[in-house]
Amino acid sequence: MKETHDVNKSNVNHDSIDSNVRPKTHHIPKIDMRKFDGKDPATWILQMEQFFDLNNVQNTQKVHMETVYLEPN
């Protein structure tokens, strides 16, 4: 008796495995940016927006990055 091999049975359902894994985020390079201290907000915002545009930073990452560059009062 000859046994046949069903290729589809050996495939793993990657969709169910990947759904439990956190999506990979785009690596954002470090920047040489002064912390925002309340002075000259227009220039600071412009520089942050330019950095985000050049590095294709996702909206969800922008807020996190901006908070890193805020000077505590």
C-alpha atoms as a PDB file:
ATOM      1  CA  MET A   1       0.000   0.000   0.000  1.00  0.00           C
ATOM      2  CA  LYS A   2       1.426   3.348  -1.073  1.00  0.00           C
ATOM      3  CA  GLU A   3       1.052   6.266   1.347  1.00  0.00           C
ATOM      4  CA  THR A   4       0.360   9.694  -0.102  1.00  0.00           C
ATOM      5  CA  HIS A   5       1.576  12.841   1.542  1.00  0.00           C
ATOM      6  CA  ASP A   6      -0.827  15.765   1.827  1.00  0.00           C
ATOM      7  CA  VAL A   7       1.243  18.943   1.642  1.00  0.00           C
ATOM      8  CA  ASN A   8      -1.567  21.052   3.110  1.00  0.00           C
ATOM      9  CA  LYS A   9      -1.642  19.038   6.349  1.00  0.00           C
ATOM     10  CA  SER A  10       1.975  19.854   7.123  1.00  0.00           C
ATOM     11  CA  ASN A  11       1.546  23.606   6.721  1.00  0.00           C
ATOM     12  CA  VAL A  12       1.357  25.621   9.900  1.00  0.00           C
ATOM     13  CA  ASN A  13      -1.313  28.252  10.266  1.00  0.00           C
ATOM     14  CA  HIS A  14       0.944  31.295  10.616  1.00  0.00           C
ATOM     15  CA  ASP A  15      -2.014  33.674  10.911  1.00  0.00           C
ATOM     16  CA  SER A  16      -2.986  32.309  14.304  1.00  0.00           C
ATOM     17  CA  ILE A  17       0.622  32.325  15.522  1.00  0.00           C
ATOM     18  CA  ASP A  18       1.322  35.866  14.294  1.00  0.00           C
ATOM     19  CA  SER A  19      -1.856  37.255  15.853  1.00  0.00           C
ATOM     20  CA  ASN A  20      -0.399  36.716  19.333  1.00  0.00           C
ATOM     21  CA  VAL A  21       2.900  38.402  18.541  1.00  0.00           C
ATOM     22  CA  ARG A  22       3.340  42.141  18.985  1.00  0.00           C
ATOM     23  CA  PRO A  23       3.797  43.875  15.636  1.00  0.00           C
ATOM     24  CA  LYS A  24       7.310  45.027  14.884  1.00  0.00           C
ATOM     25  CA  THR A  25       7.809  48.747  15.028  1.00  0.00           C
ATOM     26  CA  HIS A  26       9.918  50.777  12.701  1.00  0.00           C
ATOM     27  CA  HIS A  27      13.320  51.516  14.249  1.00  0.00           C
ATOM     28  CA  ILE A  28      13.737  55.233  14.800  1.00  0.00           C
ATOM     29  CA  PRO A  29      17.271  56.605  14.871  1.00  0.00           C
ATOM     30  CA  LYS A  30      18.417  58.759  17.765  1.00  0.00           C
ATOM     31  CA  ILE A  31      18.356  62.464  17.111  1.00  0.00           C
ATOM     32  CA  ASP A  32      20.395  65.361  18.347  1.00  0.00           C
ATOM     33  CA  MET A  33      17.471  67.479  19.485  1.00  0.00           C
ATOM     34  CA  ARG A  34      17.265  69.990  22.276  1.00  0.00           C
ATOM     35  CA  LYS A  35      14.617  69.364  24.882  1.00  0.00           C
ATOM     36  CA  PHE A  36      11.644  71.673  24.651  1.00  0.00           C
ATOM     37  CA  ASP A  37      11.800  74.140  27.520  1.00  0.00           C
ATOM     38  CA  GLY A  38       8.981  76.445  26.448  1.00  0.00           C
ATOM     39  CA  LYS A  39      11.183  78.757  24.394  1.00  0.00           C
ATOM     40  CA  ASP A  40      10.771  79.063  20.617  1.00  0.00           C
ATOM     41  CA  PRO A  41       8.009  76.435  20.219  1.00  0.00           C
ATOM     42  CA  ALA A  42       7.565  77.038  16.473  1.00  0.00           C
ATOM     43  CA  THR A  43      11.163  76.069  15.673  1.00  0.00           C
ATOM     44  CA  TRP A  44      11.064  73.036  17.979  1.00  0.00           C
ATOM     45  CA  ILE A  45       7.818  71.777  16.417  1.00  0.00           C
ATOM     46  CA  LEU A  46       9.179  72.336  12.897  1.00  0.00           C
ATOM     47  CA  GLN A  47      12.347  70.371  13.688  1.00  0.00           C
ATOM     48  CA  MET A  48      10.352  67.477  15.189  1.00  0.00           C
ATOM     49  CA  GLU A  49       7.985  67.389  12.185  1.00  0.00           C
ATOM     50  CA  GLN A  50      10.923  67.378   9.765  1.00  0.00           C
ATOM     51  CA  PHE A  51      12.524  64.499  11.646  1.00  0.00           C
ATOM     52  CA  PHE A  52       9.245  62.543  11.640  1.00  0.00           C
ATOM     53  CA  ASP A  53       8.781  63.094   7.899  1.00  0.00           C
ATOM     54  CA  LEU A  54      12.356  62.113   7.002  1.00  0.00           C
ATOM     55  CA  ASN A  55      12.199  58.926   9.090  1.00  0.00           C
ATOM     56  CA  ASN A  56       8.595  57.917   8.317  1.00  0.00           C
ATOM     57  CA  VAL A  57       7.703  57.899  12.006  1.00  0.00           C
ATOM     58  CA  GLN A  58       4.240  56.469  12.673  1.00  0.00           C
ATOM     59  CA  ASN A  59       1.689  58.655  14.455  1.00  0.00           C
ATOM     60  CA  THR A  60       1.564  56.265  17.395  1.00  0.00           C
ATOM     61  CA  GLN A  61       5.302  56.742  17.947  1.00  0.00           C
ATOM     62  CA  LYS A  62       5.324  60.530  17.566  1.00  0.00           C
ATOM     63  CA  VAL A  63       3.704  61.281  20.924  1.00  0.00           C
ATOM     64  CA  HIS A  64       6.087  58.962  22.743  1.00  0.00           C
ATOM     65  CA  MET A  65       9.097  60.594  21.101  1.00  0.00           C
ATOM     66  CA  GLU A  66       7.832  64.100  21.798  1.00  0.00           C
ATOM     67  CA  THR A  67       7.407  63.370  25.492  1.00  0.00           C
ATOM     68  CA  VAL A  68      11.022  62.205  25.668  1.00  0.00           C
ATOM     69  CA  TYR A  69      12.123  65.623  24.427  1.00  0.00           C
ATOM     70  CA  LEU A  70      10.073  67.698  26.891  1.00  0.00           C
ATOM     71  CA  GLU A  71      11.926  69.490  29.664  1.00  0.00           C
ATOM     72  CA  PRO A  72      10.214  68.934  33.038  1.00  0.00           C
ATOM     73  CA  ASN A  73       8.999  72.126  34.756  1.00  0.00           C
END
